[in-house]
Each structure stands twice: as structure tokens, then as C-alpha cells.
C-alpha atoms as a PDB file:
ATOM      1  CA  MET A   1      28.871 -10.310 -64.921  1.00  0.00           C
ATOM      2  CA  ASP A   2      26.850 -11.742 -62.036  1.00  0.00           C
ATOM      3  CA  TYR A   3      29.639 -12.586 -59.634  1.00  0.00           C
ATOM      4  CA  ALA A   4      29.673 -14.062 -56.154  1.00  0.00           C
ATOM      5  CA  PRO A   5      33.218 -13.678 -54.783  1.00  0.00           C
ATOM      6  CA  SER A   6      32.698 -15.890 -51.745  1.00  0.00           C
ATOM      7  CA  ASN A   7      31.241 -18.776 -53.783  1.00  0.00           C
ATOM      8  CA  ILE A   8      33.294 -21.749 -54.931  1.00  0.00           C
ATOM      9  CA  LEU A   9      32.704 -24.001 -57.915  1.00  0.00           C
ATOM     10  CA  LEU A  10      34.260 -27.432 -57.371  1.00  0.00           C
ATOM     11  CA  VAL A  11      34.778 -29.526 -60.507  1.00  0.00           C
ATOM     12  CA  GLU A  12      35.512 -33.069 -59.357  1.00  0.00           C
ATOM     13  CA  ASP A  13      34.416 -36.355 -60.960  1.00  0.00           C
ATOM     14  CA  GLU A  14      34.949 -38.552 -57.904  1.00  0.00           C
ATOM     15  CA  GLU A  15      32.031 -38.067 -55.537  1.00  0.00           C
ATOM     16  CA  ALA A  16      34.030 -39.104 -52.441  1.00  0.00           C
ATOM     17  CA  HIS A  17      36.747 -36.509 -53.221  1.00  0.00           C
ATOM     18  CA  ALA A  18      34.078 -33.890 -53.869  1.00  0.00           C
ATOM     19  CA  GLU A  19      32.415 -34.538 -50.512  1.00  0.00           C
ATOM     20  CA  LEU A  20      35.744 -34.515 -48.627  1.00  0.00           C
ATOM     21  CA  THR A  21      36.687 -31.243 -50.303  1.00  0.00           C
ATOM     22  CA  LYS A  22      33.303 -29.713 -49.560  1.00  0.00           C
ATOM     23  CA  ARG A  23      33.500 -30.815 -45.918  1.00  0.00           C
ATOM     24  CA  ALA A  24      37.005 -29.336 -45.555  1.00  0.00           C
ATOM     25  CA  ILE A  25      35.902 -26.024 -47.120  1.00  0.00           C
ATOM     26  CA  ARG A  26      32.849 -25.889 -44.853  1.00  0.00           C
ATOM     27  CA  LYS A  27      35.068 -26.533 -41.831  1.00  0.00           C
ATOM     28  CA  ALA A  28      37.346 -23.652 -42.862  1.00  0.00           C
ATOM     29  CA  GLY A  29      34.208 -21.517 -42.889  1.00  0.00           C
ATOM     30  CA  ASN A  30      35.007 -18.732 -45.360  1.00  0.00           C
ATOM     31  CA  ALA A  31      32.962 -19.707 -48.430  1.00  0.00           C
ATOM     32  CA  ASN A  32      29.274 -18.801 -48.538  1.00  0.00           C
ATOM     33  CA  ARG A  33      28.406 -21.422 -51.115  1.00  0.00           C
ATOM     34  CA  ILE A  34      30.032 -24.472 -52.704  1.00  0.00           C
ATOM     35  CA  ASP A  35      28.588 -25.865 -55.897  1.00  0.00           C
ATOM     36  CA  ILE A  36      29.835 -29.178 -57.250  1.00  0.00           C
ATOM     37  CA  VAL A  37      29.812 -30.379 -60.848  1.00  0.00           C
ATOM     38  CA  TYR A  38      31.158 -33.737 -61.886  1.00  0.00           C
ATOM     39  CA  ASP A  39      32.582 -33.311 -65.400  1.00  0.00           C
ATOM     40  CA  GLY A  40      33.974 -30.739 -67.797  1.00  0.00           C
ATOM     41  CA  LYS A  41      30.757 -30.240 -69.748  1.00  0.00           C
ATOM     42  CA  GLU A  42      28.800 -29.537 -66.559  1.00  0.00           C
ATOM     43  CA  ALA A  43      31.487 -27.067 -65.484  1.00  0.00           C
ATOM     44  CA  LEU A  44      31.199 -25.128 -68.738  1.00  0.00           C
ATOM     45  CA  ASP A  45      27.390 -25.294 -68.682  1.00  0.00           C
ATOM     46  CA  TYR A  46      27.464 -23.865 -65.131  1.00  0.00           C
ATOM     47  CA  LEU A  47      29.920 -21.092 -65.993  1.00  0.00           C
ATOM     48  CA  PHE A  48      28.115 -20.078 -69.200  1.00  0.00           C
ATOM     49  CA  ASN A  49      24.630 -20.515 -67.616  1.00  0.00           C
ATOM     50  CA  ARG A  50      23.496 -23.144 -70.086  1.00  0.00           C
ATOM     51  CA  GLU A  51      21.002 -26.001 -69.873  1.00  0.00           C
ATOM     52  CA  LYS A  52      20.098 -26.867 -66.245  1.00  0.00           C
ATOM     53  CA  PHE A  53      22.311 -23.964 -65.028  1.00  0.00           C
ATOM     54  CA  ALA A  54      20.548 -21.308 -67.156  1.00  0.00           C
ATOM     55  CA  ASP A  55      19.198 -19.339 -64.186  1.00  0.00           C
ATOM     56  CA  LYS A  56      21.900 -16.716 -63.525  1.00  0.00           C
ATOM     57  CA  ALA A  57      20.384 -15.776 -60.155  1.00  0.00           C
ATOM     58  CA  GLN A  58      20.519 -19.389 -58.988  1.00  0.00           C
ATOM     59  CA  TYR A  59      23.965 -20.058 -60.526  1.00  0.00           C
ATOM     60  CA  PRO A  60      26.070 -16.866 -60.284  1.00  0.00           C
ATOM     61  CA  LYS A  61      29.673 -16.833 -61.410  1.00  0.00           C
ATOM     62  CA  PRO A  62      31.857 -18.145 -58.568  1.00  0.00           C
ATOM     63  CA  GLY A  63      34.705 -16.254 -56.968  1.00  0.00           C
ATOM     64  CA  LEU A  64      36.960 -19.317 -57.140  1.00  0.00           C
ATOM     65  CA  ILE A  65      37.078 -22.492 -59.233  1.00  0.00           C
ATOM     66  CA  LEU A  66      38.687 -25.686 -57.941  1.00  0.00           C
ATOM     67  CA  LEU A  67      39.313 -27.804 -61.021  1.00  0.00           C
ATOM     68  CA  ASP A  68      40.435 -31.419 -61.312  1.00  0.00           C
ATOM     69  CA  ILE A  69      42.502 -32.349 -64.358  1.00  0.00           C
ATOM     70  CA  LYS A  70      41.268 -35.870 -64.939  1.00  0.00           C
ATOM     71  CA  LEU A  71      37.601 -35.476 -65.856  1.00  0.00           C
ATOM     72  CA  PRO A  72      35.366 -37.595 -68.091  1.00  0.00           C
ATOM     73  CA  GLY A  73      34.636 -36.069 -71.490  1.00  0.00           C
ATOM     74  CA  ILE A  74      36.110 -32.578 -71.489  1.00  0.00           C
ATOM     75  CA  ASP A  75      39.217 -32.723 -69.307  1.00  0.00           C
ATOM     76  CA  GLY A  76      40.313 -30.078 -66.827  1.00  0.00           C
ATOM     77  CA  ILE A  77      42.927 -28.512 -69.111  1.00  0.00           C
ATOM     78  CA  GLU A  78      40.289 -27.953 -71.817  1.00  0.00           C
ATOM     79  CA  VAL A  79      37.946 -26.427 -69.236  1.00  0.00           C
ATOM     80  CA  LEU A  80      40.803 -24.199 -68.043  1.00  0.00           C
ATOM     81  CA  LYS A  81      41.558 -23.081 -71.630  1.00  0.00           C
ATOM     82  CA  THR A  82      37.908 -22.196 -72.193  1.00  0.00           C
ATOM     83  CA  ILE A  83      37.716 -20.226 -68.959  1.00  0.00           C
ATOM     84  CA  LYS A  84      40.893 -18.280 -69.586  1.00  0.00           C
ATOM     85  CA  ASN A  85      39.907 -17.499 -73.201  1.00  0.00           C
ATOM     86  CA  ASP A  86      36.612 -15.895 -72.153  1.00  0.00           C
ATOM     87  CA  SER A  87      36.729 -12.159 -71.395  1.00  0.00           C
ATOM     88  CA  ASP A  88      34.425 -12.457 -68.348  1.00  0.00           C
ATOM     89  CA  LEU A  89      35.478 -15.821 -66.915  1.00  0.00           C
ATOM     90  CA  LYS A  90      39.249 -15.326 -67.199  1.00  0.00           C
ATOM     91  CA  LYS A  91      39.170 -13.058 -64.135  1.00  0.00           C
ATOM     92  CA  ILE A  92      37.999 -15.902 -61.885  1.00  0.00           C
ATOM     93  CA  PRO A  93      40.931 -17.603 -60.122  1.00  0.00           C
ATOM     94  CA  VAL A  94      41.260 -21.255 -61.118  1.00  0.00           C
ATOM     95  CA  ILE A  95      43.126 -23.647 -58.848  1.00  0.00           C
ATOM     96  CA  MET A  96      43.994 -27.021 -60.279  1.00  0.00           C
ATOM     97  CA  LEU A  97      43.240 -29.436 -57.430  1.00  0.00           C
ATOM     98  CA  THR A  98      44.268 -32.910 -58.472  1.00  0.00           C
ATOM     99  CA  THR A  99      46.059 -36.104 -57.531  1.00  0.00           C
ATOM    100  CA  SER A 100      48.430 -35.715 -60.480  1.00  0.00           C
ATOM    101  CA  ASP A 101      51.928 -34.522 -59.718  1.00  0.00           C
ATOM    102  CA  ARG A 102      53.097 -35.102 -63.312  1.00  0.00           C
ATOM    103  CA  GLU A 103      55.364 -32.295 -64.489  1.00  0.00           C
ATOM    104  CA  GLU A 104      53.508 -32.257 -67.808  1.00  0.00           C
ATOM    105  CA  ASP A 105      50.159 -31.590 -66.066  1.00  0.00           C
ATOM    106  CA  ILE A 106      51.680 -28.833 -63.939  1.00  0.00           C
ATOM    107  CA  ALA A 107      53.327 -27.213 -66.975  1.00  0.00           C
ATOM    108  CA  HIS A 108      50.137 -27.387 -69.085  1.00  0.00           C
ATOM    109  CA  SER A 109      48.084 -25.899 -66.263  1.00  0.00           C
ATOM    110  CA  TYR A 110      50.330 -22.873 -65.887  1.00  0.00           C
ATOM    111  CA  GLN A 111      50.764 -22.592 -69.655  1.00  0.00           C
ATOM    112  CA  HIS A 112      46.997 -22.073 -69.817  1.00  0.00           C
ATOM    113  CA  TYR A 113      46.962 -19.549 -66.957  1.00  0.00           C
ATOM    114  CA  ALA A 114      45.945 -21.589 -63.929  1.00  0.00           C
ATOM    115  CA  ASN A 115      46.289 -19.399 -60.865  1.00  0.00           C
ATOM    116  CA  SER A 116      47.611 -22.215 -58.729  1.00  0.00           C
ATOM    117  CA  TYR A 117      48.321 -25.967 -58.832  1.00  0.00           C
ATOM    118  CA  LEU A 118      47.811 -28.140 -55.775  1.00  0.00           C
ATOM    119  CA  THR A 119      48.117 -31.865 -55.387  1.00  0.00           C
ATOM    120  CA  LYS A 120      45.732 -33.632 -53.061  1.00  0.00           C
ATOM    121  CA  PRO A 121      47.501 -35.165 -50.054  1.00  0.00           C
ATOM    122  CA  VAL A 122      46.749 -38.817 -49.337  1.00  0.00           C
ATOM    123  CA  GLY A 123      45.694 -38.535 -45.683  1.00  0.00           C
ATOM    124  CA  PHE A 124      42.430 -36.857 -44.732  1.00  0.00           C
ATOM    125  CA  LYS A 125      43.991 -34.651 -42.020  1.00  0.00           C
ATOM    126  CA  ALA A 126      46.693 -33.372 -44.401  1.00  0.00           C
ATOM    127  CA  PHE A 127      44.049 -32.841 -47.093  1.00  0.00           C
ATOM    128  CA  GLU A 128      41.815 -30.936 -44.678  1.00  0.00           C
ATOM    129  CA  GLU A 129      44.739 -28.695 -43.622  1.00  0.00           C
ATOM    130  CA  LYS A 130      45.670 -27.949 -47.234  1.00  0.00           C
ATOM    131  CA  ILE A 131      42.070 -27.087 -48.135  1.00  0.00           C
ATOM    132  CA  GLY A 132      41.819 -24.879 -45.042  1.00  0.00           C
ATOM    133  CA  GLN A 133      44.939 -22.974 -46.106  1.00  0.00           C
ATOM    134  CA  LEU A 134      43.632 -22.686 -49.664  1.00  0.00           C
ATOM    135  CA  ASP A 135      40.290 -21.409 -48.389  1.00  0.00           C
ATOM    136  CA  PHE A 136      41.901 -18.869 -46.051  1.00  0.00           C
ATOM    137  CA  TYR A 137      44.237 -17.520 -48.720  1.00  0.00           C
ATOM    138  CA  TRP A 138      41.724 -17.263 -51.587  1.00  0.00           C
ATOM    139  CA  MET A 139      38.675 -16.253 -49.556  1.00  0.00           C
ATOM    140  CA  ILE A 140      40.288 -13.951 -46.952  1.00  0.00           C
ATOM    141  CA  LEU A 141      43.813 -12.814 -47.854  1.00  0.00           C
ATOM    142  CA  ASN A 142      43.616 -12.575 -51.641  1.00  0.00           C
ATOM    143  CA  GLN A 143      42.264  -9.351 -53.164  1.00  0.00           C
ATOM    144  CA  PRO A 144      39.909 -10.390 -56.015  1.00  0.00           C
ATOM    145  CA  PRO A 145      39.709  -8.411 -59.246  1.00  0.00           C
ATOM    146  CA  VAL A 146      37.249  -5.548 -59.560  1.00  0.00           C
ATOM    147  CA  VAL A 147      34.385  -6.754 -61.686  1.00  0.00           C
ATOM    148  CA  GLU A 148      32.805  -4.336 -64.131  1.00  0.00           C
ATOM    149  CA  GLU A 149      29.056  -4.578 -64.533  1.00  0.00           C
END
């Protein structure tokens, strides 16, 4: 599997949230690359190198996926299920990053093997701090799985 451990795939349908998240990750400074897709279909096309994401050199597998639950078309839980049911993709950590604090969403996420579940804080400063902590933990402290070629 072509794998870029310091790359992040952000799956977020709201452009303003995507840009804030990207800015906060850039400020934390540990990710080499942040790619953004805006719905579940695009996320799966990216991860399976289909359609406009067919070039594996240009779109390597990320080392971390930040996944919103509420997405148009294929929702985040369905994307999560697909990732965790694939023998190559299931090794990539998936963090549910969402505004939903519904117990049902949290339970479904962990039921389908999300690696973490974070709710987005309302204020920008709190959001930036949470993203910085997330970035530091997953990009620096966490030991990623060994990937077989």
C-alpha cells in the first residue's frame, strides 16, 4: 500500500470548517500534507484511488483520516464502515471530528472501529487548541502500524 504517514485526509462538507481545520493543523506544524474532500463518495474515491484520484503517486494513502459524520450522500459512518472493512485501509487511524455529541453517533462510531471521537468546540481558539493536541498526538506521539508492501 502506498502510504504517507504524515499526510492527513480531511473529510468535511462545510468549507468554512474545512479551512479552519486545515489552518489549525498547519499551525500545529506536524503534517506534511492535508487533502480535503467534501463528501463521502469523494472520500472513498480518494482512498481507493478512483476517478479523479486515480493517480496513486499524487494521492497516496494518508496516515490519518479526520472524518465528519454528517456528510451529503454517503455519511461518515458508512465511510468508516467501508474503511474498516478493507484489509489495507483499516490500518489507517480514523478520527470522527464532528459537531455531533449525540450518544448514538458516538456509539456507532466506536461500534465500527473509529480510533477516536472528537466534538468540535464552538470557539475558534478552543477549536485550534483541540486540533493542535490531536495533531501532536497522532503525528508525533502515536506509533503508527507497520505497513507491509
